Amino acid sequence: MKKLLQINASLFSNDGQSSRLASQFVAAWRDRNPDNELLVRDFAREPIPHLDAERFQAFLTQPDARTPEQTAVVEFSDTLIRELREADVLVIGLPMYNFGIPSTLKAYFDHVARAGITFRYTENGPVGLLDGKKVYVLAARGGYYAGTPRDSQTGYMRDFLGFLGMKDVEFVYAEGLNIDESSKQAALAEAGERLANLAA
């Protein structure tokens, strides 16, 4: 039995195109693997606080010196990390906002990237501690960006996930969703077909 962690980063929650793609993939996966466990993190329904100086200081403070507020911050981060560590498969619904990833996803990354816990520094550079996972990134975009200099997401996602040890990353793009209805439907159909093949 495997555990799937689905992350929806769309501000439209389940109605976002990236969330729909993620749910479509997860449904197809679970049809073939009905015993798999699923946990969904929806940042529109349960926002991740953005990292500020107080929250960052909580991570740096020794456990026995933390205030109750700092302890709550660290416990929240620990929960996110535990969910990620226990997942065998990570499915990320990724919209593009103003050429970048949603700020809520960045906030999530800021809470799960902790030295000595999800990565460690060595003489040969940092080593990720969350290896052995398969990651699917379902990217929904209004225009066409894949393979162009304006695609700031793909490299960043690969770099960050790889930094934590997750190097087996598969991207599925649905692009041109805001061009017109025909391009939207064609992109969603093509992405859906690829998702079905990956889930199989």
C-alpha atoms as a PDB file:
ATOM      1  CA  MET A   1       0.000   0.000   0.000  1.00  0.00           C
ATOM      2  CA  LYS A   2       1.295   3.435  -0.934  1.00  0.00           C
ATOM      3  CA  LYS A   3       0.483   6.849   0.462  1.00  0.00           C
ATOM      4  CA  LEU A   4      -0.302   9.723  -1.896  1.00  0.00           C
ATOM      5  CA  LEU A   5      -0.025  13.365  -0.887  1.00  0.00           C
ATOM      6  CA  GLN A   6      -1.953  15.703  -3.181  1.00  0.00           C
ATOM      7  CA  ILE A   7      -1.141  19.401  -2.994  1.00  0.00           C
ATOM      8  CA  ASN A   8      -3.549  21.881  -4.567  1.00  0.00           C
ATOM      9  CA  ALA A   9      -1.898  25.282  -4.919  1.00  0.00           C
ATOM     10  CA  SER A  10      -4.679  26.989  -6.888  1.00  0.00           C
ATOM     11  CA  LEU A  11      -6.401  29.944  -5.260  1.00  0.00           C
ATOM     12  CA  PHE A  12      -9.629  28.498  -6.705  1.00  0.00           C
ATOM     13  CA  SER A  13      -9.294  25.317  -4.619  1.00  0.00           C
ATOM     14  CA  ASN A  14     -10.920  22.315  -6.319  1.00  0.00           C
ATOM     15  CA  ASP A  15     -12.197  24.516  -9.160  1.00  0.00           C
ATOM     16  CA  GLY A  16      -8.724  25.439 -10.380  1.00  0.00           C
ATOM     17  CA  GLN A  17      -7.609  23.703 -13.556  1.00  0.00           C
ATOM     18  CA  SER A  18      -4.402  22.479 -11.919  1.00  0.00           C
ATOM     19  CA  SER A  19      -6.399  21.040  -9.005  1.00  0.00           C
ATOM     20  CA  ARG A  20      -8.737  19.303 -11.426  1.00  0.00           C
ATOM     21  CA  LEU A  21      -5.790  17.766 -13.247  1.00  0.00           C
ATOM     22  CA  ALA A  22      -4.298  16.601  -9.954  1.00  0.00           C
ATOM     23  CA  SER A  23      -7.608  15.085  -8.850  1.00  0.00           C
ATOM     24  CA  GLN A  24      -8.059  13.452 -12.249  1.00  0.00           C
ATOM     25  CA  PHE A  25      -4.663  11.817 -11.967  1.00  0.00           C
ATOM     26  CA  VAL A  26      -5.235  10.708  -8.364  1.00  0.00           C
ATOM     27  CA  ALA A  27      -8.640   9.221  -9.254  1.00  0.00           C
ATOM     28  CA  ALA A  28      -7.120   7.216 -12.104  1.00  0.00           C
ATOM     29  CA  TRP A  29      -4.266   6.084  -9.860  1.00  0.00           C
ATOM     30  CA  ARG A  30      -6.623   4.951  -7.108  1.00  0.00           C
ATOM     31  CA  ASP A  31      -8.835   3.098  -9.587  1.00  0.00           C
ATOM     32  CA  ARG A  32      -5.832   0.900 -10.261  1.00  0.00           C
ATOM     33  CA  ASN A  33      -4.613   0.944  -6.657  1.00  0.00           C
ATOM     34  CA  PRO A  34      -7.747   1.127  -4.484  1.00  0.00           C
ATOM     35  CA  ASP A  35      -5.894   0.367  -1.246  1.00  0.00           C
ATOM     36  CA  ASN A  36      -3.667   3.425  -1.506  1.00  0.00           C
ATOM     37  CA  GLU A  37      -4.112   6.137   1.111  1.00  0.00           C
ATOM     38  CA  LEU A  38      -4.712   9.736   0.053  1.00  0.00           C
ATOM     39  CA  LEU A  39      -4.111  12.979   1.921  1.00  0.00           C
ATOM     40  CA  VAL A  40      -5.018  16.304   0.297  1.00  0.00           C
ATOM     41  CA  ARG A  41      -3.464  19.640   1.233  1.00  0.00           C
ATOM     42  CA  ASP A  42      -5.504  22.474  -0.286  1.00  0.00           C
ATOM     43  CA  PHE A  43      -3.851  25.833   0.270  1.00  0.00           C
ATOM     44  CA  ALA A  44      -7.015  27.756  -0.603  1.00  0.00           C
ATOM     45  CA  ARG A  45      -8.950  25.973   2.149  1.00  0.00           C
ATOM     46  CA  GLU A  46      -6.061  25.747   4.632  1.00  0.00           C
ATOM     47  CA  PRO A  47      -3.610  28.563   3.848  1.00  0.00           C
ATOM     48  CA  ILE A  48       0.029  28.156   4.776  1.00  0.00           C
ATOM     49  CA  PRO A  49       1.326  31.233   6.641  1.00  0.00           C
ATOM     50  CA  HIS A  50       4.098  33.028   4.842  1.00  0.00           C
ATOM     51  CA  LEU A  51       7.490  32.842   6.475  1.00  0.00           C
ATOM     52  CA  ASP A  52       8.404  35.895   8.524  1.00  0.00           C
ATOM     53  CA  ALA A  53      11.170  36.677  10.999  1.00  0.00           C
ATOM     54  CA  GLU A  54       9.213  35.386  13.998  1.00  0.00           C
ATOM     55  CA  ARG A  55       8.388  32.051  12.370  1.00  0.00           C
ATOM     56  CA  PHE A  56      11.952  31.611  11.116  1.00  0.00           C
ATOM     57  CA  GLN A  57      13.326  32.393  14.565  1.00  0.00           C
ATOM     58  CA  ALA A  58      11.129  29.629  15.979  1.00  0.00           C
ATOM     59  CA  PHE A  59      12.968  27.112  13.795  1.00  0.00           C
ATOM     60  CA  LEU A  60      16.334  28.364  15.064  1.00  0.00           C
ATOM     61  CA  THR A  61      15.457  28.400  18.763  1.00  0.00           C
ATOM     62  CA  GLN A  62      16.371  25.342  20.820  1.00  0.00           C
ATOM     63  CA  PRO A  63      13.312  23.268  21.791  1.00  0.00           C
ATOM     64  CA  ASP A  64      13.638  23.898  25.521  1.00  0.00           C
ATOM     65  CA  ALA A  65      13.889  27.657  24.962  1.00  0.00           C
ATOM     66  CA  ARG A  66      10.888  28.069  22.660  1.00  0.00           C
ATOM     67  CA  THR A  67       7.884  30.104  23.697  1.00  0.00           C
ATOM     68  CA  PRO A  68       4.435  28.483  23.361  1.00  0.00           C
ATOM     69  CA  GLU A  69       3.937  30.462  20.149  1.00  0.00           C
ATOM     70  CA  GLN A  70       7.240  29.236  18.739  1.00  0.00           C
ATOM     71  CA  THR A  71       6.402  25.670  19.709  1.00  0.00           C
ATOM     72  CA  ALA A  72       3.130  25.923  17.777  1.00  0.00           C
ATOM     73  CA  VAL A  73       4.987  27.194  14.708  1.00  0.00           C
ATOM     74  CA  VAL A  74       7.458  24.312  14.807  1.00  0.00           C
ATOM     75  CA  GLU A  75       4.744  21.734  15.423  1.00  0.00           C
ATOM     76  CA  PHE A  76       2.888  22.995  12.349  1.00  0.00           C
ATOM     77  CA  SER A  77       6.056  22.679  10.274  1.00  0.00           C
ATOM     78  CA  ASP A  78       6.690  19.223  11.735  1.00  0.00           C
ATOM     79  CA  THR A  79       3.200  18.124  10.659  1.00  0.00           C
ATOM     80  CA  LEU A  80       3.796  19.243   7.070  1.00  0.00           C
ATOM     81  CA  ILE A  81       7.155  17.474   7.027  1.00  0.00           C
ATOM     82  CA  ARG A  82       5.703  14.274   8.470  1.00  0.00           C
ATOM     83  CA  GLU A  83       3.019  14.218   5.764  1.00  0.00           C
ATOM     84  CA  LEU A  84       5.672  14.694   3.112  1.00  0.00           C
ATOM     85  CA  ARG A  85       8.050  12.133   4.588  1.00  0.00           C
ATOM     86  CA  GLU A  86       5.328   9.469   4.837  1.00  0.00           C
ATOM     87  CA  ALA A  87       4.142   9.979   1.249  1.00  0.00           C
ATOM     88  CA  ASP A  88       5.372   7.578  -1.414  1.00  0.00           C
ATOM     89  CA  VAL A  89       3.860   9.658  -4.206  1.00  0.00           C
ATOM     90  CA  LEU A  90       3.515  13.443  -4.323  1.00  0.00           C
ATOM     91  CA  VAL A  91       1.010  15.027  -6.720  1.00  0.00           C
ATOM     92  CA  ILE A  92       1.194  18.809  -7.096  1.00  0.00           C
ATOM     93  CA  GLY A  93      -1.465  20.850  -8.873  1.00  0.00           C
ATOM     94  CA  LEU A  94       0.556  23.858 -10.038  1.00  0.00           C
ATOM     95  CA  PRO A  95      -1.007  26.986 -11.581  1.00  0.00           C
ATOM     96  CA  MET A  96       1.150  29.791 -12.931  1.00  0.00           C
ATOM     97  CA  TYR A  97       0.575  33.235 -11.457  1.00  0.00           C
ATOM     98  CA  ASN A  98       2.492  36.154 -12.967  1.00  0.00           C
ATOM     99  CA  PHE A  99       5.209  33.868 -14.374  1.00  0.00           C
ATOM    100  CA  GLY A 100       5.857  32.121 -11.054  1.00  0.00           C
ATOM    101  CA  ILE A 101       4.588  29.589  -8.555  1.00  0.00           C
ATOM    102  CA  PRO A 102       1.799  30.601  -6.146  1.00  0.00           C
ATOM    103  CA  SER A 103       3.092  32.329  -3.039  1.00  0.00           C
ATOM    104  CA  THR A 104       1.256  29.788  -0.876  1.00  0.00           C
ATOM    105  CA  LEU A 105       3.297  26.974  -2.424  1.00  0.00           C
ATOM    106  CA  LYS A 106       6.477  28.945  -1.736  1.00  0.00           C
ATOM    107  CA  ALA A 107       5.292  29.364   1.863  1.00  0.00           C
ATOM    108  CA  TYR A 108       4.802  25.597   2.079  1.00  0.00           C
ATOM    109  CA  PHE A 109       8.306  25.008   0.737  1.00  0.00           C
ATOM    110  CA  ASP A 110       9.668  27.466   3.317  1.00  0.00           C
ATOM    111  CA  HIS A 111       8.070  25.414   6.090  1.00  0.00           C
ATOM    112  CA  VAL A 112       9.351  22.019   4.918  1.00  0.00           C
ATOM    113  CA  ALA A 113      12.934  22.992   4.036  1.00  0.00           C
ATOM    114  CA  ARG A 114      14.678  22.661   7.400  1.00  0.00           C
ATOM    115  CA  ALA A 115      18.355  21.893   7.844  1.00  0.00           C
ATOM    116  CA  GLY A 116      19.009  18.635   9.653  1.00  0.00           C
ATOM    117  CA  ILE A 117      15.444  17.448   9.088  1.00  0.00           C
ATOM    118  CA  THR A 118      14.674  17.449   5.363  1.00  0.00           C
ATOM    119  CA  PHE A 119      18.210  18.177   4.156  1.00  0.00           C
ATOM    120  CA  ARG A 120      21.671  18.322   5.654  1.00  0.00           C
ATOM    121  CA  TYR A 121      24.893  20.058   4.787  1.00  0.00           C
ATOM    122  CA  THR A 122      27.967  17.967   4.022  1.00  0.00           C
ATOM    123  CA  GLU A 123      31.514  18.614   2.857  1.00  0.00           C
ATOM    124  CA  ASN A 124      30.278  17.920  -0.670  1.00  0.00           C
ATOM    125  CA  GLY A 125      27.265  20.201  -0.438  1.00  0.00           C
ATOM    126  CA  PRO A 126      23.660  19.778   0.727  1.00  0.00           C
ATOM    127  CA  VAL A 127      22.026  16.343   0.667  1.00  0.00           C
ATOM    128  CA  GLY A 128      18.255  15.881   0.591  1.00  0.00           C
ATOM    129  CA  LEU A 129      16.721  13.519   3.122  1.00  0.00           C
ATOM    130  CA  LEU A 130      13.365  12.914   1.430  1.00  0.00           C
ATOM    131  CA  ASP A 131      14.481  10.570  -1.328  1.00  0.00           C
ATOM    132  CA  GLY A 132      12.688   7.551  -2.778  1.00  0.00           C
ATOM    133  CA  LYS A 133       9.529   9.386  -3.803  1.00  0.00           C
ATOM    134  CA  LYS A 134       7.788   9.823  -7.138  1.00  0.00           C
ATOM    135  CA  VAL A 135       6.553  13.337  -7.852  1.00  0.00           C
ATOM    136  CA  TYR A 136       3.995  14.386 -10.452  1.00  0.00           C
ATOM    137  CA  VAL A 137       3.634  18.099 -11.189  1.00  0.00           C
ATOM    138  CA  LEU A 138       0.456  19.021 -13.086  1.00  0.00           C
ATOM    139  CA  ALA A 139       1.068  22.512 -14.444  1.00  0.00           C
ATOM    140  CA  ALA A 140      -1.851  24.576 -15.762  1.00  0.00           C
ATOM    141  CA  ARG A 141      -1.040  27.781 -17.625  1.00  0.00           C
ATOM    142  CA  GLY A 142      -2.970  30.436 -19.487  1.00  0.00           C
ATOM    143  CA  GLY A 143      -0.295  30.887 -22.146  1.00  0.00           C
ATOM    144  CA  TYR A 144       2.507  28.836 -23.668  1.00  0.00           C
ATOM    145  CA  TYR A 145       5.683  28.727 -21.604  1.00  0.00           C
ATOM    146  CA  ALA A 146       7.151  25.212 -21.530  1.00  0.00           C
ATOM    147  CA  GLY A 147      10.591  25.163 -23.098  1.00  0.00           C
ATOM    148  CA  THR A 148      10.861  28.965 -23.205  1.00  0.00           C
ATOM    149  CA  PRO A 149      12.868  31.409 -21.045  1.00  0.00           C
ATOM    150  CA  ARG A 150       9.609  32.488 -19.391  1.00  0.00           C
ATOM    151  CA  ASP A 151       9.072  29.080 -17.842  1.00  0.00           C
ATOM    152  CA  SER A 152      10.352  29.939 -14.382  1.00  0.00           C
ATOM    153  CA  GLN A 153       8.460  27.077 -12.757  1.00  0.00           C
ATOM    154  CA  THR A 154       9.959  23.901 -14.174  1.00  0.00           C
ATOM    155  CA  GLY A 155      13.575  24.580 -13.248  1.00  0.00           C
ATOM    156  CA  TYR A 156      12.651  25.939  -9.841  1.00  0.00           C
ATOM    157  CA  MET A 157      10.456  22.964  -8.990  1.00  0.00           C
ATOM    158  CA  ARG A 158      13.111  20.473 -10.098  1.00  0.00           C
ATOM    159  CA  ASP A 159      15.793  22.324  -8.143  1.00  0.00           C
ATOM    160  CA  PHE A 160      13.814  22.634  -4.940  1.00  0.00           C
ATOM    161  CA  LEU A 161      12.396  19.121  -4.940  1.00  0.00           C
ATOM    162  CA  GLY A 162      15.822  17.751  -5.809  1.00  0.00           C
ATOM    163  CA  PHE A 163      17.356  19.773  -2.977  1.00  0.00           C
ATOM    164  CA  LEU A 164      15.133  17.805  -0.575  1.00  0.00           C
ATOM    165  CA  GLY A 165      16.055  14.531  -2.276  1.00  0.00           C
ATOM    166  CA  MET A 166      13.073  14.140  -4.616  1.00  0.00           C
ATOM    167  CA  LYS A 167      14.684  13.717  -8.019  1.00  0.00           C
ATOM    168  CA  ASP A 168      12.121  11.525  -9.783  1.00  0.00           C
ATOM    169  CA  VAL A 169       9.830  14.314 -11.023  1.00  0.00           C
ATOM    170  CA  GLU A 170       7.347  14.056 -13.905  1.00  0.00           C
ATOM    171  CA  PHE A 171       5.766  17.192 -15.400  1.00  0.00           C
ATOM    172  CA  VAL A 172       2.482  17.317 -17.281  1.00  0.00           C
ATOM    173  CA  TYR A 173       1.565  20.655 -18.864  1.00  0.00           C
ATOM    174  CA  ALA A 174      -1.817  22.025 -19.856  1.00  0.00           C
ATOM    175  CA  GLU A 175      -1.036  25.290 -21.646  1.00  0.00           C
ATOM    176  CA  GLY A 176      -2.896  27.898 -23.651  1.00  0.00           C
ATOM    177  CA  LEU A 177      -5.925  27.671 -21.372  1.00  0.00           C
ATOM    178  CA  ASN A 178      -6.676  31.389 -21.700  1.00  0.00           C
ATOM    179  CA  ILE A 179      -6.070  31.703 -25.443  1.00  0.00           C
ATOM    180  CA  ASP A 180      -9.492  30.529 -26.580  1.00  0.00           C
ATOM    181  CA  GLU A 181     -11.918  27.706 -25.898  1.00  0.00           C
ATOM    182  CA  SER A 182     -10.558  25.401 -28.570  1.00  0.00           C
ATOM    183  CA  SER A 183      -6.973  25.648 -27.329  1.00  0.00           C
ATOM    184  CA  LYS A 184      -8.189  25.135 -23.767  1.00  0.00           C
ATOM    185  CA  GLN A 185     -10.130  21.983 -24.577  1.00  0.00           C
ATOM    186  CA  ALA A 186      -7.309  20.602 -26.709  1.00  0.00           C
ATOM    187  CA  ALA A 187      -4.761  21.200 -23.949  1.00  0.00           C
ATOM    188  CA  LEU A 188      -6.932  19.614 -21.269  1.00  0.00           C
ATOM    189  CA  ALA A 189      -7.656  16.605 -23.463  1.00  0.00           C
ATOM    190  CA  GLU A 190      -3.964  16.099 -24.228  1.00  0.00           C
ATOM    191  CA  ALA A 191      -3.021  16.454 -20.558  1.00  0.00           C
ATOM    192  CA  GLY A 192      -5.801  14.088 -19.547  1.00  0.00           C
ATOM    193  CA  GLU A 193      -4.581  11.434 -21.948  1.00  0.00           C
ATOM    194  CA  ARG A 194      -1.043  11.727 -20.613  1.00  0.00           C
ATOM    195  CA  LEU A 195      -2.269  11.527 -17.030  1.00  0.00           C
ATOM    196  CA  ALA A 196      -4.227   8.374 -17.784  1.00  0.00           C
ATOM    197  CA  ASN A 197      -1.115   6.777 -19.284  1.00  0.00           C
ATOM    198  CA  LEU A 198       1.013   7.774 -16.301  1.00  0.00           C
ATOM    199  CA  ALA A 199      -1.546   6.464 -13.822  1.00  0.00           C
ATOM    200  CA  ALA A 200      -1.577   3.133 -15.643  1.00  0.00           C
END
